[in-house]
Amino acid sequence: MVKTFCVPSISRLLTRTGEFHHHTQKRYDDTGLLIAEILQWGYESERGAEAIAGFRL
């Protein structure tokens, strides 16, 4: 999650869309759920691949 904030283009997007200020808890919760899917099922599983695809949205 920290890496997301270190990439300048992503930080600008999150700031511009208000995600930093208006949806902080939702972003935190969603990131935790996605990472849990990858850790539990592996990144090569169908569920893991879907979780990774969710990061790209």
N, C-alpha and C. Protein backbone atom coordinates (compact mmCIF):
# COMPACT_ATOMS: atom_id res chain seq x y z
N MET A 1 0.82 -1.19 0.00
CA MET A 1 0.00 0.00 0.00
C MET A 1 0.86 1.25 0.00
N VAL A 2 1.97 1.24 0.72
CA VAL A 2 2.82 2.41 0.78
C VAL A 2 3.36 2.74 -0.60
N LYS A 3 3.68 1.72 -1.40
CA LYS A 3 4.20 1.96 -2.74
C LYS A 3 3.22 2.77 -3.57
N THR A 4 1.94 2.52 -3.41
CA THR A 4 0.92 3.27 -4.15
C THR A 4 1.12 4.76 -3.98
N PHE A 5 1.42 5.19 -2.77
CA PHE A 5 1.55 6.61 -2.49
C PHE A 5 2.89 7.17 -2.94
N CYS A 6 3.86 6.30 -3.24
CA CYS A 6 5.19 6.74 -3.65
C CYS A 6 5.31 6.94 -5.15
N VAL A 7 4.37 6.41 -5.91
CA VAL A 7 4.40 6.58 -7.36
C VAL A 7 3.74 7.92 -7.68
N PRO A 8 4.51 8.87 -8.20
CA PRO A 8 3.96 10.22 -8.41
C PRO A 8 2.66 10.26 -9.21
N SER A 9 2.57 9.51 -10.29
CA SER A 9 1.36 9.58 -11.11
C SER A 9 0.14 9.05 -10.36
N ILE A 10 0.33 8.01 -9.55
CA ILE A 10 -0.78 7.47 -8.77
C ILE A 10 -1.16 8.44 -7.66
N SER A 11 -0.18 9.02 -7.00
CA SER A 11 -0.46 9.99 -5.95
C SER A 11 -1.24 11.18 -6.49
N ARG A 12 -0.86 11.67 -7.68
CA ARG A 12 -1.59 12.79 -8.29
C ARG A 12 -3.04 12.39 -8.58
N LEU A 13 -3.22 11.18 -9.12
CA LEU A 13 -4.57 10.71 -9.43
C LEU A 13 -5.42 10.60 -8.16
N LEU A 14 -4.87 10.01 -7.11
CA LEU A 14 -5.62 9.85 -5.87
C LEU A 14 -5.95 11.19 -5.22
N THR A 15 -5.04 12.13 -5.34
CA THR A 15 -5.30 13.47 -4.81
C THR A 15 -6.37 14.18 -5.64
N ARG A 16 -6.22 14.11 -6.97
CA ARG A 16 -7.17 14.79 -7.87
C ARG A 16 -8.59 14.25 -7.73
N THR A 17 -8.73 12.95 -7.54
CA THR A 17 -10.06 12.34 -7.43
C THR A 17 -10.64 12.41 -6.02
N GLY A 18 -9.83 12.87 -5.06
CA GLY A 18 -10.31 12.97 -3.69
C GLY A 18 -10.22 11.68 -2.89
N GLU A 19 -9.62 10.64 -3.47
CA GLU A 19 -9.52 9.36 -2.78
C GLU A 19 -8.72 9.47 -1.48
N PHE A 20 -7.69 10.30 -1.46
CA PHE A 20 -6.90 10.49 -0.24
C PHE A 20 -7.73 11.07 0.89
N HIS A 21 -8.62 11.98 0.54
CA HIS A 21 -9.34 12.74 1.56
C HIS A 21 -10.72 12.20 1.88
N HIS A 22 -11.40 11.63 0.91
CA HIS A 22 -12.80 11.26 1.09
C HIS A 22 -13.07 9.78 1.30
N HIS A 23 -12.15 8.92 0.88
CA HIS A 23 -12.39 7.48 0.95
C HIS A 23 -11.21 6.74 1.58
N THR A 24 -10.57 7.36 2.52
CA THR A 24 -9.36 6.79 3.12
C THR A 24 -9.61 5.41 3.72
N GLN A 25 -10.62 5.25 4.54
CA GLN A 25 -10.87 3.97 5.20
C GLN A 25 -11.25 2.89 4.19
N LYS A 26 -12.06 3.26 3.19
CA LYS A 26 -12.45 2.28 2.16
C LYS A 26 -11.23 1.80 1.39
N ARG A 27 -10.33 2.71 1.00
CA ARG A 27 -9.11 2.32 0.29
C ARG A 27 -8.29 1.38 1.16
N TYR A 28 -8.15 1.69 2.43
CA TYR A 28 -7.38 0.86 3.36
C TYR A 28 -8.01 -0.53 3.46
N ASP A 29 -9.32 -0.57 3.66
CA ASP A 29 -10.03 -1.86 3.80
C ASP A 29 -9.95 -2.69 2.52
N ASP A 30 -10.20 -2.06 1.38
CA ASP A 30 -10.16 -2.77 0.10
C ASP A 30 -8.77 -3.34 -0.18
N THR A 31 -7.74 -2.55 0.11
CA THR A 31 -6.37 -3.03 -0.11
C THR A 31 -6.08 -4.24 0.76
N GLY A 32 -6.52 -4.20 2.02
CA GLY A 32 -6.33 -5.34 2.92
C GLY A 32 -7.02 -6.59 2.42
N LEU A 33 -8.23 -6.44 1.91
CA LEU A 33 -8.98 -7.59 1.38
C LEU A 33 -8.29 -8.18 0.15
N LEU A 34 -7.83 -7.32 -0.72
CA LEU A 34 -7.16 -7.80 -1.94
C LEU A 34 -5.86 -8.53 -1.61
N ILE A 35 -5.08 -7.97 -0.69
CA ILE A 35 -3.83 -8.61 -0.30
C ILE A 35 -4.10 -9.94 0.39
N ALA A 36 -5.14 -10.02 1.20
CA ALA A 36 -5.49 -11.27 1.87
C ALA A 36 -5.82 -12.36 0.86
N GLU A 37 -6.52 -12.01 -0.22
CA GLU A 37 -6.84 -12.98 -1.27
C GLU A 37 -5.56 -13.54 -1.89
N ILE A 38 -4.62 -12.66 -2.18
CA ILE A 38 -3.36 -13.09 -2.79
C ILE A 38 -2.57 -13.97 -1.83
N LEU A 39 -2.51 -13.58 -0.57
CA LEU A 39 -1.76 -14.38 0.41
C LEU A 39 -2.40 -15.74 0.64
N GLN A 40 -3.72 -15.80 0.68
CA GLN A 40 -4.41 -17.05 0.96
C GLN A 40 -4.38 -18.00 -0.24
N TRP A 41 -4.62 -17.48 -1.43
CA TRP A 41 -4.81 -18.34 -2.60
C TRP A 41 -3.63 -18.35 -3.56
N GLY A 42 -2.70 -17.42 -3.41
CA GLY A 42 -1.57 -17.34 -4.32
C GLY A 42 -1.90 -16.48 -5.53
N TYR A 43 -0.89 -15.85 -6.06
CA TYR A 43 -1.13 -14.91 -7.16
C TYR A 43 -1.41 -15.61 -8.49
N GLU A 44 -1.11 -16.89 -8.60
CA GLU A 44 -1.38 -17.61 -9.84
C GLU A 44 -2.76 -18.28 -9.86
N SER A 45 -3.45 -18.28 -8.71
CA SER A 45 -4.79 -18.86 -8.66
C SER A 45 -5.79 -17.91 -9.32
N GLU A 46 -6.97 -18.43 -9.61
CA GLU A 46 -8.01 -17.58 -10.21
C GLU A 46 -8.36 -16.42 -9.29
N ARG A 47 -8.53 -16.71 -8.00
CA ARG A 47 -8.89 -15.65 -7.05
C ARG A 47 -7.75 -14.65 -6.89
N GLY A 48 -6.52 -15.15 -6.84
CA GLY A 48 -5.36 -14.25 -6.74
C GLY A 48 -5.25 -13.36 -7.96
N ALA A 49 -5.45 -13.94 -9.14
CA ALA A 49 -5.37 -13.16 -10.38
C ALA A 49 -6.47 -12.09 -10.41
N GLU A 50 -7.66 -12.42 -9.93
CA GLU A 50 -8.73 -11.43 -9.88
C GLU A 50 -8.41 -10.32 -8.91
N ALA A 51 -7.76 -10.66 -7.78
CA ALA A 51 -7.38 -9.64 -6.81
C ALA A 51 -6.34 -8.70 -7.43
N ILE A 52 -5.37 -9.26 -8.14
CA ILE A 52 -4.35 -8.44 -8.78
C ILE A 52 -4.99 -7.54 -9.84
N ALA A 53 -5.92 -8.07 -10.61
CA ALA A 53 -6.61 -7.27 -11.61
C ALA A 53 -7.34 -6.11 -10.94
N GLY A 54 -7.85 -6.32 -9.72
CA GLY A 54 -8.54 -5.27 -8.97
C GLY A 54 -7.62 -4.11 -8.62
N PHE A 55 -6.34 -4.39 -8.44
CA PHE A 55 -5.39 -3.32 -8.15
C PHE A 55 -5.21 -2.39 -9.34
N ARG A 56 -5.46 -2.89 -10.50
CA ARG A 56 -5.25 -2.09 -11.73
C ARG A 56 -6.42 -1.17 -12.02
N LEU A 57 -7.52 -1.33 -11.32
CA LEU A 57 -8.69 -0.50 -11.60
C LEU A 57 -8.54 0.89 -11.16
